[in-house]
Amino acid sequence: MTETKQKSLYNGTVNITFYPNSHKYKLEGEKTYLVSVTSATGMIDKSRFLIPWAVGLAGTHLWEFLEKVNGPYTKEQLYPVIEEALQQHTIKKEEAADIGSMVHAYAETFAEAMLSGVEAPKLPEDADDKVYAGIQAFLDWYTAHHVKFHATERFIYSKNHGFVGMFDVLATVDGKKILIDYKTSKGVYNEMRYQLSAYRLAYEEETGEKLDGTAILHFDKETGECTMHEYTDADYEADAPVFLACLAIKKRDKELTNNYYKKS
């Protein structure tokens, strides 16, 4: 049986079904999936960041082999090294994901515990020093900024613009009520800001409440280090139109694709 979660918004007048395994959403009574925040920003080309990174990893792997082993080289020696070089971006991604993801998971569990009024979760037993350092950085952030959590994994839906999504945390930080999204990555990228603006737009549309800002709580995927990046009203006003442009492209792209398959 397909796992689903039901969520009511707008005082129970909007009901959404969430499919966790595929991370898709449907509006009650509708047959087609809604456009999500992340699928809209997914229209942004990221190759200008990823291609140089992947090429650099492959090059480094080859240079390390050449420095360790003196030539001349046979094909039998070079073929496996080249194969390994071509896989370095996948290997690096999987290794690095574990550290940041474990810190991210702890932060989610911690926020849920604070909301429920139960004891804070224990540190993971199988973690290395970088994970512990990342978790401690998160706890230091929580204490230093007088954080009070109001909601976790909050669903949003915009009636006006027809998109859906879910952000990680609504919290008061240093006396300001802000919307926070956790991100595990090597850096903080532009599309993350556009996602935040979408979450804020839909949240304020539904609740009528004006937030004091937004933030990304970034967990470095290689070190686990936790850093908060805050965004102001001015940032929101500049970023929201960019998200809506991405949304328009995604909707039109989806429409054209559906029309193509209907004709096939």
Protein backbone atom coordinates (compact mmCIF):
# COMPACT_ATOMS: atom_id res chain seq x y z
CA MET A 1 0.00 0.00 0.00
CA THR A 2 1.26 3.48 -0.90
CA GLU A 3 2.20 5.54 2.16
CA THR A 4 0.37 8.87 2.39
CA LYS A 5 -0.04 11.75 4.82
CA GLN A 6 -3.07 14.03 4.95
CA LYS A 7 -2.81 17.71 5.77
CA SER A 8 -5.50 20.37 6.12
CA LEU A 9 -4.69 24.04 5.51
CA TYR A 10 -6.65 27.30 5.36
CA ASN A 11 -8.77 26.34 8.39
CA GLY A 12 -9.67 22.96 6.91
CA THR A 13 -10.86 24.27 3.53
CA VAL A 14 -7.84 22.90 1.65
CA ASN A 15 -6.85 19.24 2.01
CA ILE A 16 -3.61 17.90 0.62
CA THR A 17 -2.34 14.33 0.27
CA PHE A 18 1.42 13.93 0.55
CA TYR A 19 3.24 10.88 -0.82
CA PRO A 20 6.51 10.64 1.19
CA ASN A 21 8.20 8.01 -0.99
CA SER A 22 7.93 10.09 -4.16
CA HIS A 23 7.73 13.44 -2.36
CA LYS A 24 4.67 14.44 -4.39
CA TYR A 25 1.44 16.20 -3.44
CA LYS A 26 -2.18 16.15 -4.59
CA LEU A 27 -5.02 18.52 -3.84
CA GLU A 28 -8.18 16.78 -2.66
CA GLY A 29 -10.41 15.92 -5.61
CA GLU A 30 -7.66 16.44 -8.19
CA LYS A 31 -6.04 13.70 -10.29
CA THR A 32 -2.79 15.43 -11.15
CA TYR A 33 0.09 16.22 -8.82
CA LEU A 34 0.69 19.77 -7.68
CA VAL A 35 3.86 21.62 -8.59
CA SER A 36 6.15 21.66 -5.57
CA VAL A 37 8.54 24.40 -4.54
CA THR A 38 11.61 22.24 -5.18
CA SER A 39 10.37 21.04 -8.59
CA ALA A 40 9.89 24.67 -9.63
CA THR A 41 13.40 25.71 -8.58
CA GLY A 42 14.66 22.51 -10.19
CA MET A 43 14.24 24.32 -13.52
CA ILE A 44 17.39 26.31 -12.68
CA ASP A 45 20.53 25.02 -14.42
CA LYS A 46 23.09 23.87 -11.83
CA SER A 47 25.64 22.41 -14.23
CA ARG A 48 27.92 25.47 -14.02
CA PHE A 49 28.65 24.48 -10.41
CA LEU A 50 28.55 20.70 -10.69
CA ILE A 51 30.54 20.10 -13.88
CA PRO A 52 33.77 21.89 -12.76
CA TRP A 53 33.51 20.12 -9.39
CA ALA A 54 33.15 16.67 -10.98
CA VAL A 55 35.95 17.33 -13.49
CA GLY A 56 38.20 18.56 -10.69
CA LEU A 57 37.66 15.39 -8.66
CA ALA A 58 38.47 13.20 -11.65
CA GLY A 59 41.60 15.20 -12.42
CA THR A 60 42.82 15.05 -8.82
CA HIS A 61 42.37 11.27 -8.75
CA LEU A 62 44.42 10.86 -11.94
CA TRP A 63 47.19 13.20 -10.76
CA GLU A 64 47.47 11.32 -7.47
CA PHE A 65 47.97 8.06 -9.37
CA LEU A 66 50.60 9.59 -11.67
CA GLU A 67 52.54 10.99 -8.70
CA LYS A 68 52.56 7.63 -6.90
CA VAL A 69 53.32 5.31 -9.82
CA ASN A 70 56.17 5.91 -12.25
CA GLY A 71 55.59 5.32 -15.97
CA PRO A 72 55.48 4.05 -18.59
CA TYR A 73 51.95 2.77 -17.98
CA THR A 74 50.08 -0.12 -19.54
CA LYS A 75 46.43 -0.03 -20.57
CA GLU A 76 45.73 -2.59 -17.85
CA GLN A 77 47.06 -0.13 -15.26
CA LEU A 78 45.29 2.94 -16.60
CA TYR A 79 41.81 1.59 -17.36
CA PRO A 80 40.79 0.92 -13.73
CA VAL A 81 42.26 4.25 -12.61
CA ILE A 82 40.27 6.08 -15.28
CA GLU A 83 37.11 4.19 -14.26
CA GLU A 84 37.70 5.21 -10.64
CA ALA A 85 38.30 8.82 -11.69
CA LEU A 86 34.97 8.90 -13.54
CA GLN A 87 33.18 7.72 -10.38
CA GLN A 88 34.80 10.15 -7.95
CA HIS A 89 31.86 12.60 -7.96
CA THR A 90 29.49 9.81 -6.87
CA ILE A 91 31.88 8.42 -4.25
CA LYS A 92 32.58 11.87 -2.79
CA LYS A 93 28.89 12.76 -2.68
CA GLU A 94 27.94 9.56 -0.83
CA GLU A 95 30.79 9.85 1.68
CA ALA A 96 30.11 13.52 2.43
CA ALA A 97 26.34 13.14 2.65
CA ASP A 98 26.59 10.94 5.74
CA ILE A 99 28.13 13.64 7.94
CA GLY A 100 25.83 16.55 7.14
CA SER A 101 22.78 14.28 6.92
CA MET A 102 23.35 12.89 10.43
CA VAL A 103 23.59 16.41 11.87
CA HIS A 104 20.49 17.41 9.88
CA ALA A 105 18.56 14.39 11.20
CA TYR A 106 19.54 15.19 14.79
CA ALA A 107 18.40 18.82 14.38
CA GLU A 108 14.99 17.65 13.13
CA THR A 109 14.57 15.20 16.01
CA PHE A 110 15.72 17.82 18.53
CA ALA A 111 13.15 20.38 17.34
CA GLU A 112 10.38 17.78 17.53
CA ALA A 113 11.44 16.87 21.08
CA MET A 114 11.42 20.51 22.20
CA LEU A 115 7.92 21.00 20.76
CA SER A 116 6.67 17.85 22.47
CA GLY A 117 8.25 18.78 25.79
CA VAL A 118 10.27 15.59 26.00
CA GLU A 119 13.94 14.91 26.67
CA ALA A 120 16.41 15.92 23.97
CA PRO A 121 17.54 13.03 21.75
CA LYS A 122 20.75 11.23 22.58
CA LEU A 123 23.76 11.65 20.34
CA PRO A 124 24.07 8.94 17.66
CA GLU A 125 26.39 6.16 18.81
CA ASP A 126 27.87 5.42 15.38
CA ALA A 127 28.88 9.01 14.64
CA ASP A 128 32.41 10.27 14.10
CA ASP A 129 34.03 13.41 15.51
CA LYS A 130 32.79 15.62 12.66
CA VAL A 131 29.18 14.62 13.31
CA TYR A 132 29.55 15.34 17.03
CA ALA A 133 31.14 18.70 16.23
CA GLY A 134 28.26 19.54 13.89
CA ILE A 135 25.63 18.58 16.45
CA GLN A 136 27.40 20.63 19.10
CA ALA A 137 27.46 23.61 16.72
CA PHE A 138 23.70 23.21 16.24
CA LEU A 139 23.11 23.05 20.01
CA ASP A 140 25.34 26.10 20.51
CA TRP A 141 23.24 27.95 17.90
CA TYR A 142 20.05 26.91 19.68
CA THR A 143 21.30 28.21 23.04
CA ALA A 144 23.08 31.36 21.85
CA HIS A 145 20.13 32.64 19.80
CA HIS A 146 17.40 31.82 22.35
CA VAL A 147 15.52 29.64 19.87
CA LYS A 148 11.91 28.68 20.49
CA PHE A 149 10.33 26.25 18.03
CA HIS A 150 6.71 26.72 16.92
CA ALA A 151 6.31 24.08 14.20
CA THR A 152 8.30 21.45 12.31
CA GLU A 153 7.80 20.02 8.82
CA ARG A 154 5.13 22.62 8.08
CA PHE A 155 3.10 22.11 4.90
CA ILE A 156 2.32 25.15 2.73
CA TYR A 157 0.05 25.72 -0.26
CA SER A 158 -0.59 28.88 -2.25
CA LYS A 159 -4.12 29.26 -3.58
CA ASN A 160 -3.08 32.33 -5.54
CA HIS A 161 -0.18 30.69 -7.34
CA GLY A 162 -0.93 26.95 -7.17
CA PHE A 163 2.21 25.48 -5.62
CA VAL A 164 2.84 23.30 -2.59
CA GLY A 165 5.73 22.35 -0.33
CA MET A 166 7.03 21.79 3.16
CA PHE A 167 9.62 23.69 5.17
CA ASP A 168 11.53 22.47 8.20
CA VAL A 169 10.97 24.85 11.09
CA LEU A 170 9.02 27.89 12.24
CA ALA A 171 10.82 29.43 15.20
CA THR A 172 11.55 32.55 17.20
CA VAL A 173 15.27 33.34 16.97
CA ASP A 174 16.69 36.29 18.90
CA GLY A 175 13.14 37.55 19.40
CA LYS A 176 12.22 37.39 15.70
CA LYS A 177 9.71 34.91 14.28
CA ILE A 178 11.26 33.40 11.18
CA LEU A 179 10.80 30.52 8.78
CA ILE A 180 13.82 28.18 8.64
CA ASP A 181 14.82 25.50 6.16
CA TYR A 182 17.61 23.02 6.89
CA LYS A 183 20.07 22.44 4.05
CA THR A 184 22.80 19.81 3.84
CA SER A 185 25.24 20.73 1.08
CA LYS A 186 28.73 21.98 0.35
CA GLY A 187 27.49 25.56 0.05
CA VAL A 188 24.43 27.80 0.12
CA TYR A 189 23.10 28.29 -3.39
CA ASN A 190 20.74 30.83 -4.94
CA GLU A 191 17.88 28.37 -5.49
CA MET A 192 17.71 27.82 -1.72
CA ARG A 193 16.83 31.48 -1.28
CA TYR A 194 14.12 31.23 -3.91
CA GLN A 195 12.65 28.22 -2.11
CA LEU A 196 12.57 30.17 1.16
CA SER A 197 10.74 33.04 -0.52
CA ALA A 198 8.12 30.58 -1.81
CA TYR A 199 7.56 29.09 1.63
CA ARG A 200 7.18 32.54 3.15
CA LEU A 201 4.83 33.71 0.39
CA ALA A 202 2.48 30.74 0.88
CA TYR A 203 2.67 30.80 4.69
CA GLU A 204 1.79 34.49 4.88
CA GLU A 205 -0.96 34.04 2.29
CA GLU A 206 -2.60 31.28 4.35
CA THR A 207 -2.18 32.73 7.84
CA GLY A 208 -2.25 36.48 7.20
CA GLU A 209 0.75 36.70 9.54
CA LYS A 210 3.79 38.71 8.50
CA LEU A 211 7.03 37.01 9.44
CA ASP A 212 10.17 38.84 10.53
CA GLY A 213 12.33 37.02 8.00
CA THR A 214 13.65 33.68 6.83
CA ALA A 215 16.84 31.70 7.30
CA ILE A 216 18.78 28.72 6.03
CA LEU A 217 20.36 26.57 8.71
CA HIS A 218 23.19 25.09 6.70
CA PHE A 219 24.92 21.82 7.59
CA ASP A 220 28.18 21.41 5.68
CA LYS A 221 28.06 17.98 4.08
CA GLU A 222 31.78 17.37 4.63
CA THR A 223 32.40 18.87 8.07
CA GLY A 224 28.91 18.89 9.62
CA GLU A 225 29.46 22.53 10.64
CA CYS A 226 26.21 24.40 11.34
CA THR A 227 25.77 28.00 10.13
CA MET A 228 22.68 30.22 9.94
CA HIS A 229 22.15 32.50 6.94
CA GLU A 230 19.42 35.10 7.52
CA TYR A 231 17.34 36.88 4.87
CA THR A 232 15.50 40.17 5.27
CA ASP A 233 12.26 41.59 3.88
CA ALA A 234 14.31 43.19 1.10
CA ASP A 235 15.76 39.79 0.20
CA TYR A 236 12.27 38.32 0.15
CA GLU A 237 10.94 41.06 -2.12
CA ALA A 238 13.81 40.44 -4.54
CA ASP A 239 13.70 36.62 -4.43
CA ALA A 240 9.95 35.92 -4.60
CA PRO A 241 9.52 37.15 -8.22
CA VAL A 242 12.39 34.88 -9.25
CA PHE A 243 10.62 31.90 -7.70
CA LEU A 244 7.37 32.80 -9.45
CA ALA A 245 9.26 32.93 -12.76
CA CYS A 246 10.61 29.42 -12.09
CA LEU A 247 7.08 28.32 -11.23
CA ALA A 248 5.71 29.66 -14.52
CA ILE A 249 8.41 27.81 -16.47
CA LYS A 250 7.74 24.56 -14.59
CA LYS A 251 3.97 24.76 -15.14
CA ARG A 252 4.33 25.47 -18.85
CA ASP A 253 6.94 22.74 -19.23
CA LYS A 254 4.63 20.27 -17.48
CA GLU A 255 1.71 21.31 -19.67
CA LEU A 256 3.68 20.88 -22.90
CA THR A 257 5.02 17.50 -21.79
CA ASN A 258 1.54 16.24 -20.91
CA ASN A 259 0.19 17.44 -24.26
CA TYR A 260 2.99 15.64 -26.09
CA TYR A 261 2.22 12.30 -24.44
CA LYS A 262 -1.50 12.71 -25.05
CA LYS A 263 -0.82 13.03 -28.77
CA SER A 264 1.61 10.09 -28.86
